[in-house]
Amino acid sequence: MTLPKLDVPVNLLTWEVSLPDRLEVKQFGGNALAAELFPAAVQNVITDGTDEFNEKDSITWSETGIEIDKMEAGQLGGIIVDPNGAVVPNATVTVVNKQTGTTLTTKSDGDGHWIVSGVQPGPFSVRVDSQGFKSAQQELAINGSRPVRVGTTLEVGAISEVVTVTAGAGSLERENRRLEDQARKTQSAQLNTPSQNVFNLQRRVAGILPVHVDVPRSGKSYRFVRPLVLDEETKITFQYKSK
């Protein structure tokens, strides 16, 4: 499948392909990239079907996500999600050693992940603050022999309200794994839901070009992106078989 060359530079080209459910598709290729390979914050730009790709968005493309699976001893981190399982970026995380008073502060990245290093053994409190949500505070003890992952679900409400949870490191890590799986499923569902891109295209084409655009209403949707396209064809190849 090929998109023709455009005679104007394109900051961000997004392409949505809908294929029938009866096909089992694999091994995508070409010079466009699958949207699911990018951080959640970038996927939101694609899913929302925004017309403008600004400087703030461009920074998101170049940011390196936190590798939560490669944490080492002395590190504390986790994932932050909302009640629907969507990740919460740019939340403020404050980690306090309750014995020494040492305070570490960081922010969640575009995938809702955060990490602090140099954590000494002892009792800790982890507080998460984000606009539009109640503050969440978790109390836990860290032994320092291995990394600790903490999953946090923020409740909608005033930031002045605080929800405190006391639990062992083991149960918090199990909750983190559950929230990681939930966040991945939520992101996948967002990417496989028809976006506003096709509807925007219909509205624009209707008054400008004398052609009919037939947008598939069923099947599975796949999204692809290419940044900075200038007088180039965009191609997608894939293999498939009937189920």
C-alpha atoms as a PDB file:
ATOM      1  CA  MET A   1       0.000   0.000   0.000  1.00  0.00           C
ATOM      2  CA  THR A   2       1.376   3.411  -0.978  1.00  0.00           C
ATOM      3  CA  LEU A   3       0.496   7.006  -0.210  1.00  0.00           C
ATOM      4  CA  PRO A   4       1.421   9.416  -3.024  1.00  0.00           C
ATOM      5  CA  LYS A   5       4.012  12.166  -2.717  1.00  0.00           C
ATOM      6  CA  LEU A   6       2.784  15.459  -1.318  1.00  0.00           C
ATOM      7  CA  ASP A   7       4.101  18.771  -2.670  1.00  0.00           C
ATOM      8  CA  VAL A   8       4.231  20.333   0.818  1.00  0.00           C
ATOM      9  CA  PRO A   9       6.394  19.319   3.808  1.00  0.00           C
ATOM     10  CA  VAL A  10       4.530  17.307   6.455  1.00  0.00           C
ATOM     11  CA  ASN A  11       5.588  17.557  10.111  1.00  0.00           C
ATOM     12  CA  LEU A  12       3.768  14.404  11.168  1.00  0.00           C
ATOM     13  CA  LEU A  13       2.053  12.009   8.768  1.00  0.00           C
ATOM     14  CA  THR A  14      -0.431   9.617  10.387  1.00  0.00           C
ATOM     15  CA  TRP A  15      -1.947   6.712   8.474  1.00  0.00           C
ATOM     16  CA  GLU A  16      -4.745   4.493   9.729  1.00  0.00           C
ATOM     17  CA  VAL A  17      -5.436   1.164   8.005  1.00  0.00           C
ATOM     18  CA  SER A  18      -8.534  -0.904   8.818  1.00  0.00           C
ATOM     19  CA  LEU A  19      -8.428  -4.588   7.869  1.00  0.00           C
ATOM     20  CA  PRO A  20     -11.192  -7.225   8.123  1.00  0.00           C
ATOM     21  CA  ASP A  21     -11.320  -9.411  11.211  1.00  0.00           C
ATOM     22  CA  ARG A  22     -11.152 -12.500   9.026  1.00  0.00           C
ATOM     23  CA  LEU A  23      -7.503 -11.706   8.210  1.00  0.00           C
ATOM     24  CA  GLU A  24      -4.600 -12.590  10.478  1.00  0.00           C
ATOM     25  CA  VAL A  25      -1.983  -9.896   9.815  1.00  0.00           C
ATOM     26  CA  LYS A  26       1.715 -10.066  10.666  1.00  0.00           C
ATOM     27  CA  GLN A  27       5.141  -8.717   9.679  1.00  0.00           C
ATOM     28  CA  PHE A  28       4.385  -5.107   8.812  1.00  0.00           C
ATOM     29  CA  GLY A  29       7.105  -3.373   6.822  1.00  0.00           C
ATOM     30  CA  GLY A  30       7.737  -0.244   4.761  1.00  0.00           C
ATOM     31  CA  ASN A  31       8.990   3.221   5.653  1.00  0.00           C
ATOM     32  CA  ALA A  32       6.270   4.088   8.199  1.00  0.00           C
ATOM     33  CA  LEU A  33       6.454   3.129  11.878  1.00  0.00           C
ATOM     34  CA  ALA A  34       3.793   1.382  13.963  1.00  0.00           C
ATOM     35  CA  ALA A  35       2.283   3.863  16.417  1.00  0.00           C
ATOM     36  CA  GLU A  36       2.360   1.332  19.269  1.00  0.00           C
ATOM     37  CA  LEU A  37       6.182   1.493  19.271  1.00  0.00           C
ATOM     38  CA  PHE A  38       6.095   5.020  20.690  1.00  0.00           C
ATOM     39  CA  PRO A  39       5.480   6.247  24.257  1.00  0.00           C
ATOM     40  CA  ALA A  40       1.924   6.693  25.417  1.00  0.00           C
ATOM     41  CA  ALA A  41       2.153  10.498  25.244  1.00  0.00           C
ATOM     42  CA  VAL A  42       3.030  10.283  21.549  1.00  0.00           C
ATOM     43  CA  GLN A  43       0.271   7.745  20.917  1.00  0.00           C
ATOM     44  CA  ASN A  44      -2.208  10.237  22.370  1.00  0.00           C
ATOM     45  CA  VAL A  45      -1.245  12.752  19.658  1.00  0.00           C
ATOM     46  CA  ILE A  46      -2.153  10.135  17.066  1.00  0.00           C
ATOM     47  CA  THR A  47      -5.295   8.852  18.777  1.00  0.00           C
ATOM     48  CA  ASP A  48      -6.711  12.338  19.357  1.00  0.00           C
ATOM     49  CA  GLY A  49      -6.323  13.225  15.686  1.00  0.00           C
ATOM     50  CA  THR A  50      -4.948  16.682  16.445  1.00  0.00           C
ATOM     51  CA  ASP A  51      -4.220  18.955  13.498  1.00  0.00           C
ATOM     52  CA  GLU A  52      -1.249  20.765  14.997  1.00  0.00           C
ATOM     53  CA  PHE A  53       2.062  19.141  15.932  1.00  0.00           C
ATOM     54  CA  ASN A  54       3.766  21.705  18.163  1.00  0.00           C
ATOM     55  CA  GLU A  55       7.162  22.050  19.823  1.00  0.00           C
ATOM     56  CA  LYS A  56       5.943  20.343  22.995  1.00  0.00           C
ATOM     57  CA  ASP A  57       4.875  17.313  20.958  1.00  0.00           C
ATOM     58  CA  SER A  58       8.207  17.184  19.119  1.00  0.00           C
ATOM     59  CA  ILE A  59      10.067  16.974  22.428  1.00  0.00           C
ATOM     60  CA  THR A  60       8.002  13.910  23.308  1.00  0.00           C
ATOM     61  CA  TRP A  61       9.328  12.097  20.221  1.00  0.00           C
ATOM     62  CA  SER A  62      12.922  12.520  21.360  1.00  0.00           C
ATOM     63  CA  GLU A  63      12.445  11.673  25.051  1.00  0.00           C
ATOM     64  CA  THR A  64      13.826   8.336  26.205  1.00  0.00           C
ATOM     65  CA  GLY A  65      11.312   6.390  28.234  1.00  0.00           C
ATOM     66  CA  ILE A  66      12.197   4.978  31.643  1.00  0.00           C
ATOM     67  CA  GLU A  67      13.121   1.289  31.463  1.00  0.00           C
ATOM     68  CA  ILE A  68      11.233   0.105  34.503  1.00  0.00           C
ATOM     69  CA  ASP A  69      12.165  -3.547  33.867  1.00  0.00           C
ATOM     70  CA  LYS A  70      15.897  -2.785  34.194  1.00  0.00           C
ATOM     71  CA  MET A  71      15.842  -1.296  37.689  1.00  0.00           C
ATOM     72  CA  GLU A  72      18.705  -2.172  40.030  1.00  0.00           C
ATOM     73  CA  ALA A  73      19.158  -2.472  43.791  1.00  0.00           C
ATOM     74  CA  GLY A  74      18.828   0.921  45.464  1.00  0.00           C
ATOM     75  CA  GLN A  75      16.189   2.104  43.004  1.00  0.00           C
ATOM     76  CA  LEU A  76      12.508   2.707  43.683  1.00  0.00           C
ATOM     77  CA  GLY A  77      10.011   3.257  40.884  1.00  0.00           C
ATOM     78  CA  GLY A  78       6.693   2.286  39.375  1.00  0.00           C
ATOM     79  CA  ILE A  79       3.758   3.262  37.211  1.00  0.00           C
ATOM     80  CA  ILE A  80       0.945   5.775  37.801  1.00  0.00           C
ATOM     81  CA  VAL A  81      -2.494   5.327  36.226  1.00  0.00           C
ATOM     82  CA  ASP A  82      -5.957   6.859  36.520  1.00  0.00           C
ATOM     83  CA  PRO A  83      -9.126   4.910  37.474  1.00  0.00           C
ATOM     84  CA  ASN A  84      -9.613   3.887  33.804  1.00  0.00           C
ATOM     85  CA  GLY A  85      -6.135   2.398  33.529  1.00  0.00           C
ATOM     86  CA  ALA A  86      -4.697   5.232  31.402  1.00  0.00           C
ATOM     87  CA  VAL A  87      -1.190   6.325  32.378  1.00  0.00           C
ATOM     88  CA  VAL A  88      -0.691   9.681  34.129  1.00  0.00           C
ATOM     89  CA  PRO A  89       2.347  11.594  32.788  1.00  0.00           C
ATOM     90  CA  ASN A  90       4.095  14.493  34.527  1.00  0.00           C
ATOM     91  CA  ALA A  91       2.846  13.555  38.006  1.00  0.00           C
ATOM     92  CA  THR A  92       5.076  14.697  40.883  1.00  0.00           C
ATOM     93  CA  VAL A  93       6.506  11.860  42.999  1.00  0.00           C
ATOM     94  CA  THR A  94       8.030  12.638  46.399  1.00  0.00           C
ATOM     95  CA  VAL A  95       9.943   9.863  48.197  1.00  0.00           C
ATOM     96  CA  VAL A  96      10.835  10.432  51.874  1.00  0.00           C
ATOM     97  CA  ASN A  97      13.043   8.248  54.090  1.00  0.00           C
ATOM     98  CA  LYS A  98      11.192   8.481  57.408  1.00  0.00           C
ATOM     99  CA  GLN A  99      14.322   7.685  59.452  1.00  0.00           C
ATOM    100  CA  THR A 100      16.782  10.137  57.895  1.00  0.00           C
ATOM    101  CA  GLY A 101      14.358  12.670  56.427  1.00  0.00           C
ATOM    102  CA  THR A 102      16.059  12.395  53.026  1.00  0.00           C
ATOM    103  CA  THR A 103      13.690  13.499  50.261  1.00  0.00           C
ATOM    104  CA  LEU A 104      13.873  12.545  46.566  1.00  0.00           C
ATOM    105  CA  THR A 105      11.583  14.084  43.958  1.00  0.00           C
ATOM    106  CA  THR A 106      10.900  13.178  40.330  1.00  0.00           C
ATOM    107  CA  LYS A 107       8.116  13.225  37.707  1.00  0.00           C
ATOM    108  CA  SER A 108       6.436  10.449  35.747  1.00  0.00           C
ATOM    109  CA  ASP A 109       7.307  10.176  32.059  1.00  0.00           C
ATOM    110  CA  GLY A 110       4.990   9.851  29.064  1.00  0.00           C
ATOM    111  CA  ASP A 111       4.309   6.204  29.942  1.00  0.00           C
ATOM    112  CA  GLY A 112       3.453   7.008  33.558  1.00  0.00           C
ATOM    113  CA  HIS A 113       6.757   5.547  34.809  1.00  0.00           C
ATOM    114  CA  TRP A 114       9.087   7.050  37.413  1.00  0.00           C
ATOM    115  CA  ILE A 115      12.338   6.037  39.121  1.00  0.00           C
ATOM    116  CA  VAL A 116      14.516   7.431  41.924  1.00  0.00           C
ATOM    117  CA  SER A 117      17.993   6.104  42.753  1.00  0.00           C
ATOM    118  CA  GLY A 118      20.164   5.988  45.849  1.00  0.00           C
ATOM    119  CA  VAL A 119      17.387   4.698  48.113  1.00  0.00           C
ATOM    120  CA  GLN A 120      18.744   3.481  51.462  1.00  0.00           C
ATOM    121  CA  PRO A 121      17.090   0.700  53.523  1.00  0.00           C
ATOM    122  CA  GLY A 122      14.368   1.804  55.918  1.00  0.00           C
ATOM    123  CA  PRO A 123      10.749   2.941  56.139  1.00  0.00           C
ATOM    124  CA  PHE A 124       9.604   5.187  53.278  1.00  0.00           C
ATOM    125  CA  SER A 125       6.598   7.188  52.224  1.00  0.00           C
ATOM    126  CA  VAL A 126       5.850   7.733  48.538  1.00  0.00           C
ATOM    127  CA  ARG A 127       3.496  10.584  47.664  1.00  0.00           C
ATOM    128  CA  VAL A 128       2.099  11.193  44.167  1.00  0.00           C
ATOM    129  CA  ASP A 129       0.487  14.522  43.200  1.00  0.00           C
ATOM    130  CA  SER A 130      -1.170  15.380  39.890  1.00  0.00           C
ATOM    131  CA  GLN A 131      -3.614  18.102  38.886  1.00  0.00           C
ATOM    132  CA  GLY A 132      -7.225  16.914  38.970  1.00  0.00           C
ATOM    133  CA  PHE A 133      -6.520  13.903  41.206  1.00  0.00           C
ATOM    134  CA  LYS A 134      -6.433  13.204  44.918  1.00  0.00           C
ATOM    135  CA  SER A 135      -2.899  12.864  46.261  1.00  0.00           C
ATOM    136  CA  ALA A 136      -1.872   9.256  46.881  1.00  0.00           C
ATOM    137  CA  GLN A 137       0.539   8.278  49.655  1.00  0.00           C
ATOM    138  CA  GLN A 138       1.995   4.812  50.189  1.00  0.00           C
ATOM    139  CA  GLU A 139       3.940   3.638  53.248  1.00  0.00           C
ATOM    140  CA  LEU A 140       6.446   0.812  52.816  1.00  0.00           C
ATOM    141  CA  ALA A 141       9.698  -0.640  54.155  1.00  0.00           C
ATOM    142  CA  ILE A 142      12.710  -1.162  51.859  1.00  0.00           C
ATOM    143  CA  ASN A 143      15.534  -3.609  52.639  1.00  0.00           C
ATOM    144  CA  GLY A 144      17.889  -2.328  49.913  1.00  0.00           C
ATOM    145  CA  SER A 145      18.847  -5.746  48.515  1.00  0.00           C
ATOM    146  CA  ARG A 146      16.709  -5.378  45.381  1.00  0.00           C
ATOM    147  CA  PRO A 147      14.740  -2.737  43.474  1.00  0.00           C
ATOM    148  CA  VAL A 148      11.170  -2.011  44.541  1.00  0.00           C
ATOM    149  CA  ARG A 149       8.314  -1.228  42.135  1.00  0.00           C
ATOM    150  CA  VAL A 150       5.207   0.574  43.324  1.00  0.00           C
ATOM    151  CA  GLY A 151       1.956   0.751  41.357  1.00  0.00           C
ATOM    152  CA  THR A 152      -0.267   3.772  42.014  1.00  0.00           C
ATOM    153  CA  THR A 153      -3.862   4.413  40.950  1.00  0.00           C
ATOM    154  CA  LEU A 154      -4.902   8.049  41.370  1.00  0.00           C
ATOM    155  CA  GLU A 155      -8.497   8.858  42.257  1.00  0.00           C
ATOM    156  CA  VAL A 156     -10.257  11.837  40.706  1.00  0.00           C
ATOM    157  CA  GLY A 157     -10.669  14.707  43.157  1.00  0.00           C
ATOM    158  CA  ALA A 158      -9.007  17.727  44.742  1.00  0.00           C
ATOM    159  CA  ILE A 159      -5.235  17.525  45.131  1.00  0.00           C
ATOM    160  CA  SER A 160      -5.660  18.592  48.778  1.00  0.00           C
ATOM    161  CA  GLU A 161      -7.256  15.212  49.548  1.00  0.00           C
ATOM    162  CA  VAL A 162      -4.798  12.431  50.393  1.00  0.00           C
ATOM    163  CA  VAL A 163      -5.398   8.681  50.079  1.00  0.00           C
ATOM    164  CA  THR A 164      -2.885   6.722  52.204  1.00  0.00           C
ATOM    165  CA  VAL A 165      -2.091   3.020  51.738  1.00  0.00           C
ATOM    166  CA  THR A 166       0.189   0.931  53.967  1.00  0.00           C
ATOM    167  CA  ALA A 167       1.406  -2.356  52.503  1.00  0.00           C
ATOM    168  CA  GLY A 168       4.429  -4.596  52.167  1.00  0.00           C
ATOM    169  CA  ALA A 169       6.820  -4.224  49.245  1.00  0.00           C
ATOM    170  CA  GLY A 170       5.651  -7.577  47.843  1.00  0.00           C
ATOM    171  CA  SER A 171       1.985  -6.598  47.590  1.00  0.00           C
ATOM    172  CA  LEU A 172       2.905  -3.212  46.098  1.00  0.00           C
ATOM    173  CA  GLU A 173       4.992  -4.936  43.428  1.00  0.00           C
ATOM    174  CA  ARG A 174       2.109  -7.257  42.567  1.00  0.00           C
ATOM    175  CA  GLU A 175      -0.119  -4.209  42.230  1.00  0.00           C
ATOM    176  CA  ASN A 176       2.505  -2.591  39.985  1.00  0.00           C
ATOM    177  CA  ARG A 177       2.500  -5.623  37.669  1.00  0.00           C
ATOM    178  CA  ARG A 178      -1.292  -5.556  37.530  1.00  0.00           C
ATOM    179  CA  LEU A 179      -1.334  -1.850  36.644  1.00  0.00           C
ATOM    180  CA  GLU A 180       1.381  -2.351  33.991  1.00  0.00           C
ATOM    181  CA  ASP A 181      -0.802  -4.993  32.294  1.00  0.00           C
ATOM    182  CA  GLN A 182      -3.881  -2.779  32.618  1.00  0.00           C
ATOM    183  CA  ALA A 183      -2.054   0.218  31.107  1.00  0.00           C
ATOM    184  CA  ARG A 184      -0.843  -1.852  28.139  1.00  0.00           C
ATOM    185  CA  LYS A 185      -4.374  -3.119  27.465  1.00  0.00           C
ATOM    186  CA  THR A 186      -5.783   0.424  27.716  1.00  0.00           C
ATOM    187  CA  GLN A 187      -3.179   1.789  25.293  1.00  0.00           C
ATOM    188  CA  SER A 188      -3.847  -1.074  22.875  1.00  0.00           C
ATOM    189  CA  ALA A 189      -7.601  -0.418  23.027  1.00  0.00           C
ATOM    190  CA  GLN A 190      -7.046   3.281  22.294  1.00  0.00           C
ATOM    191  CA  LEU A 191      -4.900   2.500  19.265  1.00  0.00           C
ATOM    192  CA  ASN A 192      -7.415  -0.015  17.885  1.00  0.00           C
ATOM    193  CA  THR A 193     -10.367   2.364  18.170  1.00  0.00           C
ATOM    194  CA  PRO A 194     -11.156   4.434  15.037  1.00  0.00           C
ATOM    195  CA  SER A 195      -9.689   7.888  15.591  1.00  0.00           C
ATOM    196  CA  GLN A 196     -10.918  11.300  14.544  1.00  0.00           C
ATOM    197  CA  ASN A 197      -8.384  11.277  11.678  1.00  0.00           C
ATOM    198  CA  VAL A 198     -10.764   9.499   9.292  1.00  0.00           C
ATOM    199  CA  PHE A 199     -13.663  11.767  10.177  1.00  0.00           C
ATOM    200  CA  ASN A 200     -11.522  14.889   9.719  1.00  0.00           C
ATOM    201  CA  LEU A 201     -10.481  13.553   6.318  1.00  0.00           C
ATOM    202  CA  GLN A 202     -14.099  13.020   5.304  1.00  0.00           C
ATOM    203  CA  ARG A 203     -15.056  16.545   6.307  1.00  0.00           C
ATOM    204  CA  ARG A 204     -12.163  18.106   4.409  1.00  0.00           C
ATOM    205  CA  VAL A 205     -12.496  16.046   1.264  1.00  0.00           C
ATOM    206  CA  ALA A 206     -16.270  16.585   1.034  1.00  0.00           C
ATOM    207  CA  GLY A 207     -15.948  20.289   0.215  1.00  0.00           C
ATOM    208  CA  ILE A 208     -12.715  20.260  -1.757  1.00  0.00           C
ATOM    209  CA  LEU A 209     -12.244  17.161  -3.890  1.00  0.00           C
ATOM    210  CA  PRO A 210     -14.919  15.578  -6.140  1.00  0.00           C
ATOM    211  CA  VAL A 211     -14.268  12.049  -4.858  1.00  0.00           C
ATOM    212  CA  HIS A 212     -16.026   9.666  -2.504  1.00  0.00           C
ATOM    213  CA  VAL A 213     -14.070   8.445   0.534  1.00  0.00           C
ATOM    214  CA  ASP A 214     -15.264   5.080   1.811  1.00  0.00           C
ATOM    215  CA  VAL A 215     -13.929   4.578   5.361  1.00  0.00           C
ATOM    216  CA  PRO A 216     -14.202   0.987   6.693  1.00  0.00           C
ATOM    217  CA  ARG A 217     -16.427   0.753   9.761  1.00  0.00           C
ATOM    218  CA  SER A 218     -15.445  -2.738  10.874  1.00  0.00           C
ATOM    219  CA  GLY A 219     -12.329  -4.820  11.368  1.00  0.00           C
ATOM    220  CA  LYS A 220      -9.168  -4.004  13.255  1.00  0.00           C
ATOM    221  CA  SER A 221      -7.458  -0.638  12.976  1.00  0.00           C
ATOM    222  CA  TYR A 222      -3.673  -0.258  12.644  1.00  0.00           C
ATOM    223  CA  ARG A 223      -1.956   3.122  12.953  1.00  0.00           C
ATOM    224  CA  PHE A 224       1.346   4.212  11.430  1.00  0.00           C
ATOM    225  CA  VAL A 225       3.343   7.440  11.583  1.00  0.00           C
ATOM    226  CA  ARG A 226       6.175   9.219   9.777  1.00  0.00           C
ATOM    227  CA  PRO A 227       7.682  12.488  11.022  1.00  0.00           C
ATOM    228  CA  LEU A 228       9.154  15.062   8.621  1.00  0.00           C
ATOM    229  CA  VAL A 229       7.953  13.834   5.232  1.00  0.00           C
ATOM    230  CA  LEU A 230       9.081  15.908   2.212  1.00  0.00           C
ATOM    231  CA  ASP A 231       8.164  14.948  -1.350  1.00  0.00           C
ATOM    232  CA  GLU A 232       8.315  11.231  -0.529  1.00  0.00           C
ATOM    233  CA  GLU A 233       6.007   8.284  -0.994  1.00  0.00           C
ATOM    234  CA  THR A 234       4.965   6.434   2.142  1.00  0.00           C
ATOM    235  CA  LYS A 235       4.686   2.659   1.887  1.00  0.00           C
ATOM    236  CA  ILE A 236       3.290  -0.079   4.116  1.00  0.00           C
ATOM    237  CA  THR A 237       3.722  -3.782   3.420  1.00  0.00           C
ATOM    238  CA  PHE A 238       2.334  -6.714   5.379  1.00  0.00           C
ATOM    239  CA  GLN A 239       1.671 -10.423   5.190  1.00  0.00           C
ATOM    240  CA  TYR A 240      -1.671 -11.951   6.028  1.00  0.00           C
ATOM    241  CA  LYS A 241      -3.720 -15.119   5.879  1.00  0.00           C
ATOM    242  CA  SER A 242      -7.396 -15.929   6.397  1.00  0.00           C
ATOM    243  CA  LYS A 243      -8.306 -17.185   9.856  1.00  0.00           C
END
